[in-house]
Amino acid sequence: MSTLPVPPMFDAEFQAKLALLIAWRRDVRRFRHEGVPQATLDHLLDLVQLSPSVGNSQPWRIVSVTQKARRAAIRANFEQTNAAALHAYSGERAALYARLKLSGLDDAPVHWAVFCDHATRQGDGLGMATMPETLDASVSGMIATLWLAARAQGLGLGWVSILDPLAATAALEVPPSWKLIAYLCIGWPQEEHSDPELVRYRWQNRTHAGRQVLER
């Protein structure tokens, strides 16, 4: 007769450290130039395979962007998209936008483009019939796991969302069923702050809008 494994106990000290880890997770834009050991990246990849996914589909696909020409294409994509975004603002808001550092593309030693494979057969479609967007959401959940795991290793992670996703996908030559979810910069932070950069530069304070729970 088999016995069930004993689950670990997460004591108050662990819970406090977990809360601290979550509080200190940051969207990093300023990186030191030294590389990240491959063993550390492999460890992160092992951890994120434990992330939840609809139907256990694990639809995330990661492209490590190392070639100079492809990085240059992503950089040009960002510059063009960022310039267009700036024109959407005016006055003081435009001046503030222009001051923000919105990518770490030039400094980060590791670039990971994260895709969702919409053609995956893993999971056999379980849970996706009425809400197919859960496949993309599963990739976002994996990224949240990666972000915390990277922070625990002392690494910073920055999500570059100011990109034309179709142009970025074309530049990386991936299968047509792959949808770009995130372009991530990973490396060692130049500096540490207790407050998010967008708060520090007066773009947007944290609020409690998401803390409200409606009852029906």
N, C-alpha and C. Protein backbone atom coordinates (compact mmCIF):
# COMPACT_ATOMS: atom_id res chain seq x y z
N MET A 1 0.85 -1.19 0.00
CA MET A 1 0.00 0.00 0.00
C MET A 1 0.89 1.25 0.00
N SER A 2 0.70 2.11 -0.96
CA SER A 2 1.53 3.30 -1.06
C SER A 2 1.04 4.37 -0.08
N THR A 3 1.96 5.18 0.35
CA THR A 3 1.61 6.27 1.25
C THR A 3 1.76 7.59 0.53
N LEU A 4 0.92 8.54 0.88
CA LEU A 4 0.99 9.85 0.25
C LEU A 4 2.20 10.62 0.76
N PRO A 5 2.84 11.41 -0.09
CA PRO A 5 3.98 12.21 0.38
C PRO A 5 3.52 13.27 1.38
N VAL A 6 4.41 13.59 2.29
CA VAL A 6 4.10 14.62 3.28
C VAL A 6 4.38 15.99 2.67
N PRO A 7 3.38 16.85 2.57
CA PRO A 7 3.62 18.17 1.97
C PRO A 7 4.51 19.02 2.86
N PRO A 8 5.28 19.93 2.27
CA PRO A 8 6.14 20.79 3.10
C PRO A 8 5.30 21.78 3.88
N MET A 9 5.86 22.23 5.00
CA MET A 9 5.21 23.26 5.81
C MET A 9 5.93 24.58 5.58
N PHE A 10 5.19 25.60 5.19
CA PHE A 10 5.77 26.91 4.94
C PHE A 10 5.50 27.78 6.17
N ASP A 11 6.53 27.94 7.00
CA ASP A 11 6.35 28.62 8.28
C ASP A 11 6.28 30.13 8.10
N ALA A 12 6.12 30.83 9.21
CA ALA A 12 5.95 32.28 9.18
C ALA A 12 7.17 32.98 8.59
N GLU A 13 8.36 32.45 8.86
CA GLU A 13 9.58 33.07 8.31
C GLU A 13 9.58 32.97 6.79
N PHE A 14 9.21 31.79 6.27
CA PHE A 14 9.15 31.63 4.82
C PHE A 14 8.08 32.55 4.23
N GLN A 15 6.94 32.62 4.87
CA GLN A 15 5.85 33.47 4.36
C GLN A 15 6.28 34.93 4.30
N ALA A 16 7.02 35.38 5.30
CA ALA A 16 7.49 36.76 5.32
C ALA A 16 8.49 37.01 4.19
N LYS A 17 9.37 36.04 3.93
CA LYS A 17 10.34 36.19 2.85
C LYS A 17 9.65 36.16 1.49
N LEU A 18 8.61 35.35 1.37
CA LEU A 18 7.86 35.31 0.12
C LEU A 18 7.19 36.66 -0.14
N ALA A 19 6.60 37.23 0.91
CA ALA A 19 5.97 38.55 0.77
C ALA A 19 7.01 39.59 0.38
N LEU A 20 8.21 39.49 0.94
CA LEU A 20 9.29 40.43 0.61
C LEU A 20 9.73 40.25 -0.85
N LEU A 21 9.81 39.00 -1.29
CA LEU A 21 10.18 38.72 -2.67
C LEU A 21 9.17 39.35 -3.63
N ILE A 22 7.89 39.19 -3.34
CA ILE A 22 6.84 39.75 -4.19
C ILE A 22 6.92 41.28 -4.19
N ALA A 23 7.16 41.86 -3.01
CA ALA A 23 7.22 43.32 -2.90
C ALA A 23 8.42 43.89 -3.66
N TRP A 24 9.51 43.13 -3.74
CA TRP A 24 10.73 43.62 -4.39
C TRP A 24 10.86 43.17 -5.84
N ARG A 25 9.85 42.50 -6.38
CA ARG A 25 9.87 42.20 -7.81
C ARG A 25 9.77 43.52 -8.56
N ARG A 26 10.63 43.71 -9.52
CA ARG A 26 10.67 44.97 -10.25
C ARG A 26 10.77 44.73 -11.75
N ASP A 27 10.24 45.66 -12.54
CA ASP A 27 10.44 45.68 -13.98
C ASP A 27 11.74 46.45 -14.21
N VAL A 28 12.82 45.72 -14.49
CA VAL A 28 14.15 46.31 -14.52
C VAL A 28 14.48 46.79 -15.93
N ARG A 29 15.05 47.99 -16.04
CA ARG A 29 15.45 48.57 -17.32
C ARG A 29 16.94 48.85 -17.39
N ARG A 30 17.60 48.85 -16.25
CA ARG A 30 19.01 49.20 -16.20
C ARG A 30 19.81 47.98 -15.71
N PHE A 31 20.64 47.46 -16.59
CA PHE A 31 21.37 46.21 -16.31
C PHE A 31 22.88 46.43 -16.34
N ARG A 32 23.58 45.65 -15.52
CA ARG A 32 25.02 45.55 -15.68
C ARG A 32 25.31 44.66 -16.88
N HIS A 33 26.50 44.77 -17.43
CA HIS A 33 26.80 44.10 -18.69
C HIS A 33 27.25 42.64 -18.51
N GLU A 34 27.65 42.25 -17.31
CA GLU A 34 28.17 40.89 -17.18
C GLU A 34 27.08 39.84 -17.44
N GLY A 35 27.53 38.71 -18.00
CA GLY A 35 26.60 37.68 -18.41
C GLY A 35 25.99 36.91 -17.25
N VAL A 36 24.99 36.13 -17.57
CA VAL A 36 24.31 35.27 -16.60
C VAL A 36 24.77 33.84 -16.86
N PRO A 37 25.26 33.14 -15.83
CA PRO A 37 25.72 31.76 -16.04
C PRO A 37 24.61 30.89 -16.64
N GLN A 38 24.99 30.03 -17.57
CA GLN A 38 24.01 29.16 -18.20
C GLN A 38 23.33 28.26 -17.17
N ALA A 39 24.07 27.86 -16.14
CA ALA A 39 23.48 27.01 -15.11
C ALA A 39 22.33 27.73 -14.40
N THR A 40 22.46 29.04 -14.21
CA THR A 40 21.39 29.82 -13.58
C THR A 40 20.17 29.88 -14.49
N LEU A 41 20.39 30.10 -15.78
CA LEU A 41 19.28 30.13 -16.73
C LEU A 41 18.60 28.77 -16.83
N ASP A 42 19.40 27.70 -16.81
CA ASP A 42 18.82 26.35 -16.84
C ASP A 42 17.96 26.09 -15.61
N HIS A 43 18.43 26.57 -14.46
CA HIS A 43 17.66 26.41 -13.23
C HIS A 43 16.32 27.13 -13.34
N LEU A 44 16.32 28.34 -13.89
CA LEU A 44 15.07 29.08 -14.07
C LEU A 44 14.14 28.33 -15.03
N LEU A 45 14.69 27.78 -16.10
CA LEU A 45 13.87 27.04 -17.05
C LEU A 45 13.25 25.81 -16.41
N ASP A 46 14.00 25.16 -15.53
CA ASP A 46 13.45 24.01 -14.81
C ASP A 46 12.30 24.43 -13.90
N LEU A 47 12.47 25.53 -13.21
CA LEU A 47 11.44 25.99 -12.28
C LEU A 47 10.15 26.36 -13.00
N VAL A 48 10.27 27.06 -14.13
CA VAL A 48 9.04 27.54 -14.77
C VAL A 48 8.23 26.41 -15.39
N GLN A 49 8.82 25.24 -15.56
CA GLN A 49 8.02 24.12 -16.05
C GLN A 49 6.98 23.68 -15.02
N LEU A 50 7.12 24.16 -13.79
CA LEU A 50 6.15 23.84 -12.74
C LEU A 50 4.98 24.83 -12.74
N SER A 51 5.01 25.83 -13.63
CA SER A 51 3.94 26.82 -13.68
C SER A 51 2.63 26.16 -14.12
N PRO A 52 1.49 26.68 -13.64
CA PRO A 52 0.21 26.13 -14.07
C PRO A 52 -0.09 26.48 -15.52
N SER A 53 -0.80 25.61 -16.20
CA SER A 53 -1.23 25.89 -17.57
C SER A 53 -2.52 25.14 -17.84
N VAL A 54 -3.36 25.71 -18.68
CA VAL A 54 -4.66 25.11 -18.97
C VAL A 54 -4.46 23.73 -19.59
N GLY A 55 -5.10 22.73 -19.04
CA GLY A 55 -4.98 21.37 -19.54
C GLY A 55 -3.59 20.79 -19.45
N ASN A 56 -2.72 21.41 -18.64
CA ASN A 56 -1.31 21.03 -18.57
C ASN A 56 -0.66 21.11 -19.96
N SER A 57 -1.07 22.13 -20.71
CA SER A 57 -0.60 22.28 -22.09
C SER A 57 0.82 22.80 -22.20
N GLN A 58 1.27 23.55 -21.20
CA GLN A 58 2.62 24.14 -21.21
C GLN A 58 2.96 24.73 -22.58
N PRO A 59 2.18 25.71 -23.05
CA PRO A 59 2.33 26.17 -24.43
C PRO A 59 3.44 27.18 -24.65
N TRP A 60 4.21 27.51 -23.62
CA TRP A 60 5.26 28.52 -23.78
C TRP A 60 6.42 27.97 -24.60
N ARG A 61 6.91 28.82 -25.47
CA ARG A 61 8.08 28.51 -26.29
C ARG A 61 9.03 29.71 -26.17
N ILE A 62 10.28 29.47 -25.86
CA ILE A 62 11.24 30.55 -25.60
C ILE A 62 12.31 30.57 -26.67
N VAL A 63 12.55 31.76 -27.20
CA VAL A 63 13.64 31.96 -28.15
C VAL A 63 14.69 32.85 -27.48
N SER A 64 15.90 32.32 -27.34
CA SER A 64 17.00 33.12 -26.82
C SER A 64 17.61 33.90 -27.98
N VAL A 65 17.46 35.20 -27.94
CA VAL A 65 17.90 36.05 -29.06
C VAL A 65 19.34 36.48 -28.80
N THR A 66 20.26 35.91 -29.55
CA THR A 66 21.69 36.17 -29.35
C THR A 66 22.35 36.82 -30.56
N GLN A 67 21.78 36.64 -31.75
CA GLN A 67 22.41 37.17 -32.95
C GLN A 67 22.27 38.69 -33.02
N LYS A 68 23.38 39.35 -33.37
CA LYS A 68 23.39 40.82 -33.39
C LYS A 68 22.34 41.37 -34.36
N ALA A 69 22.19 40.76 -35.50
CA ALA A 69 21.25 41.27 -36.50
C ALA A 69 19.81 41.18 -35.98
N ARG A 70 19.49 40.12 -35.30
CA ARG A 70 18.12 39.97 -34.79
C ARG A 70 17.88 40.93 -33.62
N ARG A 71 18.87 41.10 -32.78
CA ARG A 71 18.72 42.08 -31.69
C ARG A 71 18.57 43.49 -32.27
N ALA A 72 19.31 43.76 -33.32
CA ALA A 72 19.21 45.08 -33.95
C ALA A 72 17.81 45.29 -34.54
N ALA A 73 17.22 44.23 -35.09
CA ALA A 73 15.88 44.34 -35.64
C ALA A 73 14.86 44.63 -34.54
N ILE A 74 15.03 43.97 -33.40
CA ILE A 74 14.13 44.23 -32.27
C ILE A 74 14.33 45.65 -31.76
N ARG A 75 15.58 46.11 -31.71
CA ARG A 75 15.87 47.47 -31.25
C ARG A 75 15.23 48.50 -32.17
N ALA A 76 15.33 48.28 -33.49
CA ALA A 76 14.72 49.20 -34.45
C ALA A 76 13.20 49.18 -34.32
N ASN A 77 12.65 48.00 -34.09
CA ASN A 77 11.21 47.85 -33.88
C ASN A 77 10.78 48.69 -32.68
N PHE A 78 11.52 48.58 -31.59
CA PHE A 78 11.20 49.35 -30.40
C PHE A 78 11.26 50.85 -30.66
N GLU A 79 12.31 51.29 -31.31
CA GLU A 79 12.48 52.72 -31.57
C GLU A 79 11.30 53.27 -32.37
N GLN A 80 10.89 52.55 -33.39
CA GLN A 80 9.79 53.00 -34.23
C GLN A 80 8.47 53.01 -33.45
N THR A 81 8.23 51.94 -32.71
CA THR A 81 6.98 51.83 -31.95
C THR A 81 6.94 52.84 -30.82
N ASN A 82 8.09 53.07 -30.18
CA ASN A 82 8.16 54.02 -29.08
C ASN A 82 7.93 55.45 -29.57
N ALA A 83 8.46 55.78 -30.74
CA ALA A 83 8.24 57.11 -31.30
C ALA A 83 6.76 57.34 -31.59
N ALA A 84 6.10 56.31 -32.11
CA ALA A 84 4.66 56.43 -32.37
C ALA A 84 3.88 56.58 -31.08
N ALA A 85 4.30 55.86 -30.05
CA ALA A 85 3.61 55.94 -28.76
C ALA A 85 3.76 57.33 -28.14
N LEU A 86 4.95 57.92 -28.30
CA LEU A 86 5.18 59.26 -27.77
C LEU A 86 4.22 60.28 -28.38
N HIS A 87 3.93 60.13 -29.66
CA HIS A 87 3.04 61.08 -30.35
C HIS A 87 1.60 60.98 -29.87
N ALA A 88 1.28 59.91 -29.16
CA ALA A 88 -0.08 59.76 -28.64
C ALA A 88 -0.31 60.62 -27.40
N TYR A 89 0.78 61.17 -26.83
CA TYR A 89 0.67 62.02 -25.65
C TYR A 89 0.97 63.47 -26.03
N SER A 90 0.58 64.37 -25.16
CA SER A 90 0.85 65.78 -25.41
C SER A 90 1.17 66.47 -24.09
N GLY A 91 1.76 67.65 -24.20
CA GLY A 91 2.03 68.47 -23.03
C GLY A 91 2.94 67.81 -22.02
N GLU A 92 2.58 67.96 -20.74
CA GLU A 92 3.40 67.45 -19.65
C GLU A 92 3.53 65.93 -19.70
N ARG A 93 2.43 65.27 -20.12
CA ARG A 93 2.47 63.80 -20.18
C ARG A 93 3.48 63.34 -21.22
N ALA A 94 3.56 64.04 -22.36
CA ALA A 94 4.53 63.68 -23.39
C ALA A 94 5.96 63.89 -22.89
N ALA A 95 6.18 65.00 -22.17
CA ALA A 95 7.51 65.27 -21.63
C ALA A 95 7.91 64.19 -20.62
N LEU A 96 6.96 63.77 -19.81
CA LEU A 96 7.24 62.73 -18.83
C LEU A 96 7.52 61.40 -19.51
N TYR A 97 6.74 61.08 -20.54
CA TYR A 97 6.95 59.84 -21.29
C TYR A 97 8.36 59.81 -21.88
N ALA A 98 8.79 60.93 -22.43
CA ALA A 98 10.11 61.00 -23.07
C ALA A 98 11.23 60.76 -22.07
N ARG A 99 10.99 61.02 -20.80
CA ARG A 99 12.01 60.83 -19.76
C ARG A 99 12.13 59.37 -19.31
N LEU A 100 11.09 58.59 -19.55
CA LEU A 100 11.08 57.22 -19.05
C LEU A 100 12.04 56.34 -19.85
N LYS A 101 12.72 55.46 -19.14
CA LYS A 101 13.55 54.44 -19.80
C LYS A 101 12.67 53.21 -19.94
N LEU A 102 12.30 52.89 -21.17
CA LEU A 102 11.25 51.90 -21.39
C LEU A 102 11.77 50.56 -21.90
N SER A 103 13.06 50.43 -22.02
CA SER A 103 13.60 49.12 -22.38
C SER A 103 15.03 49.01 -21.88
N GLY A 104 15.47 47.77 -21.71
CA GLY A 104 16.86 47.51 -21.36
C GLY A 104 17.56 46.76 -22.47
N LEU A 105 17.11 46.98 -23.71
CA LEU A 105 17.59 46.20 -24.84
C LEU A 105 19.09 46.34 -25.07
N ASP A 106 19.64 47.51 -24.80
CA ASP A 106 21.06 47.73 -25.09
C ASP A 106 21.99 47.10 -24.06
N ASP A 107 21.50 46.95 -22.84
CA ASP A 107 22.37 46.52 -21.74
C ASP A 107 22.17 45.07 -21.30
N ALA A 108 20.96 44.56 -21.40
CA ALA A 108 20.67 43.23 -20.85
C ALA A 108 21.45 42.15 -21.60
N PRO A 109 22.15 41.28 -20.87
CA PRO A 109 22.91 40.23 -21.55
C PRO A 109 22.04 39.13 -22.13
N VAL A 110 20.84 38.96 -21.58
CA VAL A 110 19.95 37.88 -22.02
C VAL A 110 18.66 38.47 -22.56
N HIS A 111 18.31 38.08 -23.78
CA HIS A 111 17.03 38.45 -24.38
C HIS A 111 16.24 37.17 -24.63
N TRP A 112 15.07 37.05 -24.03
CA TRP A 112 14.20 35.91 -24.27
C TRP A 112 12.89 36.40 -24.87
N ALA A 113 12.56 35.92 -26.06
CA ALA A 113 11.25 36.16 -26.65
C ALA A 113 10.37 34.97 -26.29
N VAL A 114 9.24 35.25 -25.65
CA VAL A 114 8.37 34.18 -25.16
C VAL A 114 7.10 34.13 -26.01
N PHE A 115 6.84 32.97 -26.56
CA PHE A 115 5.70 32.78 -27.45
C PHE A 115 4.72 31.78 -26.86
N CYS A 116 3.50 31.82 -27.38
CA CYS A 116 2.50 30.79 -27.10
C CYS A 116 2.29 29.99 -28.37
N ASP A 117 2.43 28.68 -28.26
CA ASP A 117 2.24 27.79 -29.40
C ASP A 117 0.77 27.41 -29.51
N HIS A 118 0.06 28.07 -30.42
CA HIS A 118 -1.37 27.82 -30.57
C HIS A 118 -1.67 26.49 -31.26
N ALA A 119 -0.65 25.83 -31.75
CA ALA A 119 -0.85 24.54 -32.40
C ALA A 119 -0.47 23.37 -31.50
N THR A 120 -0.14 23.65 -30.25
CA THR A 120 0.27 22.55 -29.37
C THR A 120 -0.84 21.52 -29.23
N ARG A 121 -0.45 20.27 -29.20
CA ARG A 121 -1.41 19.19 -28.96
C ARG A 121 -1.36 18.74 -27.51
N GLN A 122 -0.37 19.22 -26.76
CA GLN A 122 -0.29 18.83 -25.36
C GLN A 122 -1.51 19.37 -24.61
N GLY A 123 -2.12 18.55 -23.81
CA GLY A 123 -3.33 18.93 -23.09
C GLY A 123 -4.60 18.59 -23.84
N ASP A 124 -4.47 18.31 -25.14
CA ASP A 124 -5.61 17.88 -25.96
C ASP A 124 -6.80 18.83 -25.85
N GLY A 125 -6.52 20.13 -25.73
CA GLY A 125 -7.58 21.12 -25.73
C GLY A 125 -8.39 21.22 -24.45
N LEU A 126 -7.99 20.51 -23.41
CA LEU A 126 -8.76 20.52 -22.17
C LEU A 126 -8.86 21.93 -21.60
N GLY A 127 -10.10 22.41 -21.35
CA GLY A 127 -10.32 23.71 -20.73
C GLY A 127 -10.27 24.89 -21.68
N MET A 128 -10.08 24.64 -22.96
CA MET A 128 -9.91 25.73 -23.91
C MET A 128 -11.08 25.93 -24.86
N ALA A 129 -12.06 25.05 -24.83
CA ALA A 129 -13.12 25.09 -25.83
C ALA A 129 -13.90 26.40 -25.80
N THR A 130 -14.25 26.87 -24.62
CA THR A 130 -15.03 28.10 -24.51
C THR A 130 -14.18 29.32 -24.19
N MET A 131 -12.95 29.10 -23.73
CA MET A 131 -12.06 30.22 -23.40
C MET A 131 -10.66 29.92 -23.96
N PRO A 132 -10.50 30.00 -25.28
CA PRO A 132 -9.19 29.67 -25.88
C PRO A 132 -8.08 30.62 -25.43
N GLU A 133 -8.47 31.81 -24.92
CA GLU A 133 -7.45 32.76 -24.46
C GLU A 133 -6.69 32.24 -23.24
N THR A 134 -7.19 31.17 -22.62
CA THR A 134 -6.47 30.62 -21.48
C THR A 134 -5.10 30.07 -21.88
N LEU A 135 -4.93 29.78 -23.17
CA LEU A 135 -3.61 29.32 -23.64
C LEU A 135 -2.59 30.45 -23.49
N ASP A 136 -2.96 31.66 -23.97
CA ASP A 136 -2.08 32.82 -23.79
C ASP A 136 -1.90 33.16 -22.32
N ALA A 137 -3.00 33.05 -21.55
CA ALA A 137 -2.92 33.36 -20.12
C ALA A 137 -1.97 32.41 -19.41
N SER A 138 -1.89 31.19 -19.86
CA SER A 138 -0.96 30.23 -19.25
C SER A 138 0.48 30.69 -19.42
N VAL A 139 0.79 31.27 -20.58
CA VAL A 139 2.15 31.77 -20.82
C VAL A 139 2.43 32.96 -19.90
N SER A 140 1.44 33.82 -19.73
CA SER A 140 1.62 34.96 -18.82
C SER A 140 1.85 34.48 -17.39
N GLY A 141 1.15 33.41 -17.00
CA GLY A 141 1.36 32.84 -15.67
C GLY A 141 2.77 32.30 -15.52
N MET A 142 3.29 31.68 -16.56
CA MET A 142 4.67 31.20 -16.52
C MET A 142 5.64 32.35 -16.35
N ILE A 143 5.37 33.47 -17.04
CA ILE A 143 6.26 34.62 -16.95
C ILE A 143 6.27 35.18 -15.52
N ALA A 144 5.11 35.17 -14.86
CA ALA A 144 5.05 35.62 -13.47
C ALA A 144 5.92 34.73 -12.58
N THR A 145 5.88 33.43 -12.82
CA THR A 145 6.74 32.51 -12.07
C THR A 145 8.22 32.81 -12.35
N LEU A 146 8.55 33.00 -13.62
CA LEU A 146 9.93 33.31 -14.00
C LEU A 146 10.40 34.59 -13.34
N TRP A 147 9.55 35.60 -13.28
CA TRP A 147 9.92 36.90 -12.72
C TRP A 147 10.33 36.75 -11.25
N LEU A 148 9.53 36.02 -10.50
CA LEU A 148 9.84 35.83 -9.08
C LEU A 148 11.06 34.95 -8.90
N ALA A 149 11.18 33.91 -9.71
CA ALA A 149 12.34 33.01 -9.61
C ALA A 149 13.63 33.76 -9.95
N ALA A 150 13.58 34.63 -10.95
CA ALA A 150 14.75 35.42 -11.32
C ALA A 150 15.11 36.38 -10.19
N ARG A 151 14.12 37.03 -9.62
CA ARG A 151 14.36 37.97 -8.51
C ARG A 151 15.01 37.25 -7.33
N ALA A 152 14.58 36.03 -7.07
CA ALA A 152 15.15 35.25 -5.96
C ALA A 152 16.62 34.93 -6.21
N GLN A 153 17.04 34.90 -7.48
CA GLN A 153 18.45 34.66 -7.83
C GLN A 153 19.25 35.95 -7.88
N GLY A 154 18.58 37.10 -7.61
CA GLY A 154 19.26 38.38 -7.68
C GLY A 154 19.22 38.99 -9.07
N LEU A 155 18.53 38.36 -10.00
CA LEU A 155 18.44 38.85 -11.37
C LEU A 155 17.29 39.84 -11.52
N GLY A 156 17.41 40.71 -12.50
CA GLY A 156 16.33 41.59 -12.87
C GLY A 156 15.72 41.14 -14.18
N LEU A 157 14.44 41.44 -14.36
CA LEU A 157 13.73 41.09 -15.58
C LEU A 157 12.93 42.30 -16.03
N GLY A 158 13.00 42.62 -17.30
CA GLY A 158 12.22 43.71 -17.86
C GLY A 158 11.39 43.22 -19.03
N TRP A 159 10.11 43.56 -19.03
CA TRP A 159 9.18 43.15 -20.08
C TRP A 159 9.06 44.30 -21.07
N VAL A 160 9.54 44.12 -22.30
CA VAL A 160 9.47 45.16 -23.33
C VAL A 160 8.18 44.96 -24.12
N SER A 161 7.21 45.79 -23.84
CA SER A 161 5.90 45.65 -24.49
C SER A 161 5.70 46.66 -25.62
N ILE A 162 6.61 47.61 -25.76
CA ILE A 162 6.48 48.62 -26.81
C ILE A 162 7.15 48.10 -28.06
N LEU A 163 6.49 47.13 -28.69
CA LEU A 163 6.98 46.47 -29.89
C LEU A 163 5.80 46.19 -30.82
N ASP A 164 6.07 46.15 -32.10
CA ASP A 164 5.11 45.62 -33.06
C ASP A 164 5.27 44.10 -33.03
N PRO A 165 4.29 43.36 -32.50
CA PRO A 165 4.49 41.93 -32.31
C PRO A 165 4.65 41.15 -33.62
N LEU A 166 3.96 41.58 -34.67
CA LEU A 166 4.07 40.87 -35.95
C LEU A 166 5.47 41.05 -36.54
N ALA A 167 6.00 42.27 -36.47
CA ALA A 167 7.35 42.52 -36.98
C ALA A 167 8.39 41.78 -36.15
N ALA A 168 8.19 41.76 -34.83
CA ALA A 168 9.13 41.03 -33.96
C ALA A 168 9.11 39.54 -34.26
N THR A 169 7.92 39.01 -34.46
CA THR A 169 7.78 37.59 -34.78
C THR A 169 8.47 37.27 -36.10
N ALA A 170 8.28 38.13 -37.10
CA ALA A 170 8.92 37.91 -38.40
C ALA A 170 10.44 37.95 -38.29
N ALA A 171 10.94 38.87 -37.47
CA ALA A 171 12.39 39.01 -37.31
C ALA A 171 13.02 37.78 -36.69
N LEU A 172 12.25 37.04 -35.90
CA LEU A 172 12.80 35.89 -35.19
C LEU A 172 12.52 34.57 -35.91
N GLU A 173 11.75 34.61 -37.01
CA GLU A 173 11.54 33.43 -37.85
C GLU A 173 11.13 32.20 -37.06
N VAL A 174 9.99 32.29 -36.43
CA VAL A 174 9.45 31.17 -35.65
C VAL A 174 8.28 30.55 -36.41
N PRO A 175 7.81 29.39 -35.98
CA PRO A 175 6.66 28.77 -36.66
C PRO A 175 5.44 29.68 -36.67
N PRO A 176 4.62 29.60 -37.71
CA PRO A 176 3.47 30.51 -37.84
C PRO A 176 2.43 30.36 -36.74
N SER A 177 2.43 29.25 -36.03
CA SER A 177 1.45 29.05 -34.96
C SER A 177 1.87 29.69 -33.65
N TRP A 178 3.07 30.27 -33.61
CA TRP A 178 3.56 30.89 -32.38
C TRP A 178 3.14 32.35 -32.31
N LYS A 179 2.56 32.74 -31.20
CA LYS A 179 2.14 34.13 -30.96
C LYS A 179 3.06 34.75 -29.91
N LEU A 180 3.60 35.93 -30.21
CA LEU A 180 4.48 36.59 -29.25
C LEU A 180 3.68 37.09 -28.06
N ILE A 181 4.09 36.69 -26.86
CA ILE A 181 3.46 37.15 -25.63
C ILE A 181 4.33 38.20 -24.93
N ALA A 182 5.64 37.98 -24.94
CA ALA A 182 6.52 38.90 -24.21
C ALA A 182 7.93 38.85 -24.78
N TYR A 183 8.57 40.01 -24.77
CA TYR A 183 10.00 40.08 -25.06
C TYR A 183 10.66 40.51 -23.76
N LEU A 184 11.51 39.64 -23.21
CA LEU A 184 12.06 39.84 -21.87
C LEU A 184 13.56 40.11 -21.92
N CYS A 185 13.99 41.10 -21.15
CA CYS A 185 15.40 41.38 -20.92
C CYS A 185 15.75 40.87 -19.52
N ILE A 186 16.84 40.12 -19.42
CA ILE A 186 17.23 39.50 -18.15
C ILE A 186 18.70 39.79 -17.88
N GLY A 187 19.01 40.15 -16.65
CA GLY A 187 20.40 40.40 -16.28
C GLY A 187 20.49 40.89 -14.85
N TRP A 188 21.68 41.32 -14.46
CA TRP A 188 21.91 41.80 -13.10
C TRP A 188 21.58 43.29 -13.03
N PRO A 189 20.72 43.71 -12.13
CA PRO A 189 20.33 45.13 -12.06
C PRO A 189 21.50 46.03 -11.70
N GLN A 190 21.52 47.22 -12.31
CA GLN A 190 22.51 48.23 -11.94
C GLN A 190 22.23 48.80 -10.56
N GLU A 191 20.97 48.90 -10.20
CA GLU A 191 20.57 49.55 -8.95
C GLU A 191 19.31 48.88 -8.42
N GLU A 192 19.06 49.08 -7.13
CA GLU A 192 17.88 48.49 -6.48
C GLU A 192 17.07 49.62 -5.85
N HIS A 193 15.76 49.54 -5.99
CA HIS A 193 14.88 50.55 -5.42
C HIS A 193 13.69 49.86 -4.74
N SER A 194 13.22 50.46 -3.67
CA SER A 194 12.07 49.91 -2.97
C SER A 194 10.75 50.28 -3.64
N ASP A 195 10.80 51.28 -4.54
CA ASP A 195 9.58 51.68 -5.24
C ASP A 195 9.73 51.41 -6.74
N PRO A 196 8.63 51.11 -7.43
CA PRO A 196 8.70 50.89 -8.88
C PRO A 196 9.12 52.16 -9.61
N GLU A 197 9.78 52.00 -10.75
CA GLU A 197 10.29 53.15 -11.49
C GLU A 197 9.17 54.09 -11.95
N LEU A 198 8.02 53.53 -12.34
CA LEU A 198 6.94 54.39 -12.80
C LEU A 198 6.33 55.22 -11.67
N VAL A 199 6.48 54.75 -10.44
CA VAL A 199 6.09 55.56 -9.28
C VAL A 199 7.14 56.62 -9.04
N ARG A 200 8.41 56.24 -9.12
CA ARG A 200 9.51 57.14 -8.84
C ARG A 200 9.55 58.31 -9.83
N TYR A 201 9.16 58.04 -11.07
CA TYR A 201 9.16 59.10 -12.09
C TYR A 201 7.79 59.73 -12.29
N ARG A 202 6.89 59.48 -11.32
CA ARG A 202 5.59 60.14 -11.26
C ARG A 202 4.69 59.84 -12.47
N TRP A 203 4.84 58.65 -13.05
CA TRP A 203 3.94 58.29 -14.14
C TRP A 203 2.62 57.74 -13.60
N GLN A 204 2.71 56.83 -12.62
CA GLN A 204 1.51 56.22 -12.07
C GLN A 204 1.82 55.65 -10.69
N ASN A 205 1.09 56.11 -9.68
CA ASN A 205 1.24 55.55 -8.35
C ASN A 205 0.51 54.21 -8.25
N ARG A 206 0.94 53.42 -7.30
CA ARG A 206 0.18 52.21 -7.00
C ARG A 206 -1.17 52.61 -6.41
N THR A 207 -2.19 51.83 -6.73
CA THR A 207 -3.52 52.08 -6.18
C THR A 207 -4.06 50.78 -5.60
N HIS A 208 -5.24 50.86 -5.04
CA HIS A 208 -5.89 49.66 -4.50
C HIS A 208 -7.10 49.27 -5.34
N ALA A 209 -7.11 49.71 -6.61
CA ALA A 209 -8.25 49.40 -7.47
C ALA A 209 -8.47 47.89 -7.60
N GLY A 210 -7.37 47.15 -7.70
CA GLY A 210 -7.49 45.71 -7.84
C GLY A 210 -7.73 44.98 -6.53
N ARG A 211 -7.74 45.73 -5.44
CA ARG A 211 -7.97 45.11 -4.13
C ARG A 211 -9.47 44.96 -3.84
N GLN A 212 -10.29 45.66 -4.61
CA GLN A 212 -11.72 45.61 -4.38
C GLN A 212 -12.28 44.27 -4.87
N VAL A 213 -13.13 43.70 -4.06
CA VAL A 213 -13.78 42.44 -4.40
C VAL A 213 -15.29 42.66 -4.40
N LEU A 214 -15.93 42.42 -5.53
CA LEU A 214 -17.37 42.58 -5.63
C LEU A 214 -18.07 41.30 -5.18
N GLU A 215 -19.18 41.48 -4.55
CA GLU A 215 -19.99 40.34 -4.15
C GLU A 215 -21.27 40.33 -4.96
N ARG A 216 -21.66 39.18 -5.40
CA ARG A 216 -22.89 39.03 -6.19
C ARG A 216 -23.76 37.91 -5.63
